[in-house]
Amino acid sequence: FRSEEVRRGSAPSVKCYNCLHSSEGAPSRSFMSLKREVPSYSKYTLSEETREYLKKPTFDIWHWEANEMLCLMEHMYHELGLINEFSINPIVLKRWLLCVQENYQNNPFHNFRHCFCVTQMMYGMIHLCNLQSFMSRADVGILLTACVCHDVDHPGYNNTYQVNARTELAIRYNDISPLENHHCAVTFQILSNPECNIFANVDKATFKKIRLGMIKLILATDMARHSDILSRFK
């Protein structure tokens, strides 16, 4: 894939919403500038082998650098028809992906590679299970976007720590899924920036559906709810 990429240029920088964190893992302030410029691609090409491999749950996520993961995630939105479904400006998609990446912290586990891993697995499941035959394209887009954002700005300390240490996040969200609520909040802070809003061209009713769907999905990633959610499938 590296050999298939065209040399990247540069574009005007945009703001993102990366929080500074205290030693206890709670955000202390927000609204930082984007750490690097938005990449500009005149054109990039993936081989048929790479495109088909990306669709498989067995895809190896460890062999790809950060910019390559961004390109692969961008391809998912194009291949699934989400650009047309939500009338996404391709340049805004690039800005949004980069802004999301910058807001994943350099944690041992909850980092941008984990974001890519979860997103690629869902992309693989969409194809493996032919989910587009059972779900609308809009719902597929909500599902994929929730995967991209599900752990954004994770401080590296779990909910149990947040509650026991009475961190700012635990206080803000009354000990109720503080991390997951924070991920949702940061996600929509990023989308509130017009330069990063991939849903800027949808109507109010559609955006409301997107917002409700993504919040529901991200909040469901709280492992404290896992047994309850799993029991509903039995």
Protein backbone atom coordinates (compact mmCIF):
# COMPACT_ATOMS: atom_id res chain seq x y z
CA PHE A 1 0.00 0.00 0.00
CA ARG A 2 2.84 2.41 0.79
CA SER A 3 4.11 2.11 -2.78
CA GLU A 4 0.64 2.93 -4.08
CA GLU A 5 0.35 6.25 -2.28
CA VAL A 6 1.00 9.44 -4.19
CA ARG A 7 3.26 11.94 -2.44
CA ARG A 8 1.22 14.02 -0.01
CA GLY A 9 1.01 17.78 -0.15
CA SER A 10 -0.32 20.22 2.43
CA ALA A 11 -3.49 22.20 3.07
CA PRO A 12 -4.60 24.92 5.48
CA SER A 13 -4.58 23.83 9.09
CA VAL A 14 -7.81 23.45 11.05
CA LYS A 15 -8.67 23.50 14.73
CA CYS A 16 -9.46 20.35 16.65
CA TYR A 17 -10.72 19.69 20.13
CA ASN A 18 -7.94 17.79 21.85
CA CYS A 19 -8.25 18.04 25.65
CA LEU A 20 -5.32 18.57 27.98
CA HIS A 21 -5.48 16.10 30.85
CA SER A 22 -4.45 16.26 34.46
CA SER A 23 -2.42 13.54 36.13
CA GLU A 24 -5.67 11.91 37.25
CA GLY A 25 -6.81 11.35 33.69
CA ALA A 26 -9.58 13.94 33.62
CA PRO A 27 -9.68 16.67 30.96
CA SER A 28 -8.72 20.07 32.31
CA ARG A 29 -9.22 22.24 29.22
CA SER A 30 -10.07 21.91 25.56
CA PHE A 31 -9.75 23.57 22.16
CA MET A 32 -6.21 22.99 21.00
CA SER A 33 -4.99 23.69 17.48
CA LEU A 34 -4.44 20.84 15.08
CA LYS A 35 -0.92 19.51 15.57
CA ARG A 36 -0.23 19.11 11.86
CA GLU A 37 -1.67 20.13 8.55
CA VAL A 38 -4.44 18.32 6.76
CA PRO A 39 -2.91 16.02 4.14
CA SER A 40 -3.87 16.74 0.55
CA TYR A 41 -4.05 13.88 -1.93
CA SER A 42 -4.23 14.65 -5.63
CA LYS A 43 -5.01 10.97 -6.15
CA TYR A 44 -4.28 7.69 -4.45
CA THR A 45 -4.89 4.17 -5.65
CA LEU A 46 -5.42 0.89 -3.84
CA SER A 47 -4.81 -2.39 -5.56
CA GLU A 48 -7.72 -4.80 -5.88
CA GLU A 49 -5.89 -7.14 -3.50
CA THR A 50 -5.66 -4.45 -0.81
CA ARG A 51 -9.30 -3.44 -1.22
CA GLU A 52 -10.48 -7.02 -0.85
CA TYR A 53 -8.13 -7.73 2.06
CA LEU A 54 -9.48 -4.67 3.89
CA LYS A 55 -12.97 -6.23 3.81
CA LYS A 56 -11.88 -9.30 5.77
CA PRO A 57 -12.05 -9.60 9.58
CA THR A 58 -8.62 -11.28 9.37
CA PHE A 59 -7.03 -8.03 8.13
CA ASP A 60 -3.73 -7.40 9.96
CA ILE A 61 -3.96 -3.93 11.49
CA TRP A 62 -0.34 -3.86 12.71
CA HIS A 63 1.41 -3.32 9.37
CA TRP A 64 0.09 0.18 8.66
CA GLU A 65 1.40 3.59 9.61
CA ALA A 66 -0.84 6.42 10.83
CA ASN A 67 -1.28 8.14 7.46
CA GLU A 68 -1.97 4.79 5.82
CA MET A 69 -4.69 4.01 8.35
CA LEU A 70 -6.24 7.39 7.57
CA CYS A 71 -6.24 6.56 3.85
CA LEU A 72 -7.79 3.14 4.45
CA MET A 73 -10.54 4.61 6.62
CA GLU A 74 -11.21 7.25 4.00
CA HIS A 75 -11.55 4.47 1.43
CA MET A 76 -14.20 2.75 3.60
CA TYR A 77 -16.44 5.82 3.42
CA HIS A 78 -16.09 5.99 -0.35
CA GLU A 79 -16.53 2.25 -0.94
CA LEU A 80 -19.67 2.01 1.23
CA GLY A 81 -21.29 4.89 -0.63
CA LEU A 82 -21.36 7.12 2.46
CA ILE A 83 -19.97 10.12 0.57
CA ASN A 84 -23.09 10.26 -1.56
CA GLU A 85 -25.45 9.17 1.22
CA PHE A 86 -24.51 12.09 3.47
CA SER A 87 -23.29 14.48 0.72
CA ILE A 88 -19.88 14.57 2.40
CA ASN A 89 -17.29 16.96 1.03
CA PRO A 90 -14.21 14.72 0.47
CA ILE A 91 -11.89 17.44 1.81
CA VAL A 92 -13.97 17.73 4.98
CA LEU A 93 -13.76 13.95 5.37
CA LYS A 94 -9.96 14.20 5.33
CA ARG A 95 -10.01 17.01 7.89
CA TRP A 96 -12.44 15.14 10.13
CA LEU A 97 -10.42 11.92 10.08
CA LEU A 98 -7.22 13.76 10.90
CA CYS A 99 -8.90 15.74 13.68
CA VAL A 100 -10.28 12.52 15.19
CA GLN A 101 -6.82 10.97 14.97
CA GLU A 102 -5.25 13.92 16.78
CA ASN A 103 -7.80 13.54 19.57
CA TYR A 104 -6.84 9.92 20.26
CA GLN A 105 -4.17 10.02 22.95
CA ASN A 106 -0.96 8.03 22.88
CA ASN A 107 -2.22 5.34 25.26
CA PRO A 108 -0.88 1.76 25.31
CA PHE A 109 -4.27 0.44 24.17
CA HIS A 110 -6.96 3.10 23.67
CA ASN A 111 -5.09 4.87 20.88
CA PHE A 112 -5.69 5.59 17.19
CA ARG A 113 -4.61 2.10 16.12
CA HIS A 114 -7.33 0.70 18.39
CA CYS A 115 -9.78 3.08 16.66
CA PHE A 116 -8.64 1.73 13.29
CA CYS A 117 -8.83 -1.87 14.52
CA VAL A 118 -12.45 -1.52 15.67
CA THR A 119 -13.46 0.41 12.55
CA GLN A 120 -11.83 -2.11 10.22
CA MET A 121 -13.44 -5.03 12.04
CA MET A 122 -16.86 -3.42 11.65
CA TYR A 123 -16.10 -2.73 7.99
CA GLY A 124 -15.20 -6.40 7.61
CA MET A 125 -18.39 -7.49 9.37
CA ILE A 126 -20.48 -5.22 7.14
CA HIS A 127 -19.17 -7.13 4.12
CA LEU A 128 -18.97 -10.58 5.71
CA CYS A 129 -22.58 -10.41 6.95
CA ASN A 130 -23.85 -8.35 4.01
CA LEU A 131 -25.32 -5.85 6.46
CA GLN A 132 -26.33 -3.47 3.70
CA SER A 133 -29.04 -5.98 2.78
CA PHE A 134 -30.57 -5.58 6.24
CA MET A 135 -29.71 -1.99 7.16
CA SER A 136 -30.08 1.32 5.38
CA ARG A 137 -26.92 2.94 4.09
CA ALA A 138 -27.46 5.74 6.59
CA ASP A 139 -27.50 3.25 9.47
CA VAL A 140 -24.33 1.63 8.15
CA GLY A 141 -22.72 5.08 8.14
CA ILE A 142 -23.84 5.74 11.71
CA LEU A 143 -22.40 2.38 12.76
CA LEU A 144 -19.03 2.96 11.07
CA THR A 145 -18.71 6.54 12.34
CA ALA A 146 -19.49 5.45 15.90
CA CYS A 147 -16.64 2.94 15.60
CA VAL A 148 -14.25 5.68 14.50
CA CYS A 149 -15.17 7.87 17.48
CA HIS A 150 -15.95 5.31 20.16
CA ASP A 151 -12.82 5.92 22.30
CA VAL A 152 -11.79 9.41 21.17
CA ASP A 153 -9.80 11.33 23.82
CA HIS A 154 -9.64 8.31 26.14
CA PRO A 155 -7.41 9.35 29.06
CA GLY A 156 -6.04 5.85 29.66
CA TYR A 157 -7.87 5.24 32.95
CA ASN A 158 -11.08 3.18 33.08
CA ASN A 159 -14.48 4.12 34.51
CA THR A 160 -13.79 2.40 37.82
CA TYR A 161 -10.76 4.62 38.33
CA GLN A 162 -12.67 7.72 37.25
CA VAL A 163 -15.43 7.06 39.80
CA ASN A 164 -13.15 6.01 42.67
CA ALA A 165 -10.78 8.92 42.13
CA ARG A 166 -13.71 11.31 41.73
CA THR A 167 -12.19 12.80 38.61
CA GLU A 168 -13.68 15.71 36.70
CA LEU A 169 -15.27 13.28 34.23
CA ALA A 170 -16.93 11.26 36.98
CA ILE A 171 -18.27 14.41 38.61
CA ARG A 172 -19.47 15.84 35.30
CA TYR A 173 -21.38 12.71 34.34
CA ASN A 174 -22.53 11.69 37.84
CA ASP A 175 -20.54 8.42 37.78
CA ILE A 176 -22.67 7.17 34.84
CA SER A 177 -20.41 5.88 32.03
CA PRO A 178 -18.11 8.91 32.37
CA LEU A 179 -15.71 7.83 29.65
CA GLU A 180 -18.35 6.91 27.11
CA ASN A 181 -20.23 10.14 27.74
CA HIS A 182 -16.95 12.00 27.24
CA HIS A 183 -16.27 10.21 23.95
CA CYS A 184 -19.71 11.28 22.72
CA ALA A 185 -19.17 14.87 23.82
CA VAL A 186 -15.76 15.16 22.12
CA THR A 187 -17.16 13.54 18.97
CA PHE A 188 -19.83 16.19 18.61
CA GLN A 189 -17.47 18.98 19.62
CA ILE A 190 -15.36 18.01 16.62
CA LEU A 191 -18.45 17.86 14.40
CA SER A 192 -19.48 21.32 15.63
CA ASN A 193 -16.50 22.71 13.72
CA PRO A 194 -17.77 23.42 10.17
CA GLU A 195 -14.38 22.51 8.73
CA CYS A 196 -14.67 19.02 10.25
CA ASN A 197 -18.41 18.39 10.04
CA ILE A 198 -18.92 15.46 7.68
CA PHE A 199 -22.69 15.73 8.27
CA ALA A 200 -22.96 19.43 7.45
CA ASN A 201 -25.07 18.80 4.34
CA VAL A 202 -27.79 16.62 5.86
CA ASP A 203 -31.13 18.04 7.02
CA LYS A 204 -31.99 18.54 10.69
CA ALA A 205 -34.06 15.37 10.97
CA THR A 206 -31.24 13.25 9.52
CA PHE A 207 -28.65 14.84 11.79
CA LYS A 208 -30.86 14.17 14.80
CA LYS A 209 -31.06 10.50 13.78
CA ILE A 210 -27.28 10.37 13.31
CA ARG A 211 -26.65 11.98 16.70
CA LEU A 212 -29.08 9.73 18.58
CA GLY A 213 -27.71 6.61 16.85
CA MET A 214 -24.07 7.43 17.52
CA ILE A 215 -24.71 8.31 21.17
CA LYS A 216 -26.59 5.05 21.69
CA LEU A 217 -23.81 3.02 20.09
CA ILE A 218 -20.93 4.72 21.89
CA LEU A 219 -22.64 4.54 25.29
CA ALA A 220 -23.19 0.82 24.68
CA THR A 221 -19.40 0.29 24.65
CA ASP A 222 -19.32 0.66 28.44
CA MET A 223 -18.30 -2.85 29.50
CA ALA A 224 -20.47 -2.52 32.62
CA ARG A 225 -23.44 -2.83 30.26
CA HIS A 226 -22.04 -5.79 28.32
CA SER A 227 -23.89 -8.57 30.14
CA ASP A 228 -27.20 -6.74 29.97
CA ILE A 229 -26.85 -6.03 26.25
CA LEU A 230 -25.70 -9.60 25.52
CA SER A 231 -28.67 -11.07 27.39
CA ARG A 232 -31.02 -9.32 24.99
CA PHE A 233 -29.65 -11.44 22.15
CA LYS A 234 -30.33 -14.73 23.94
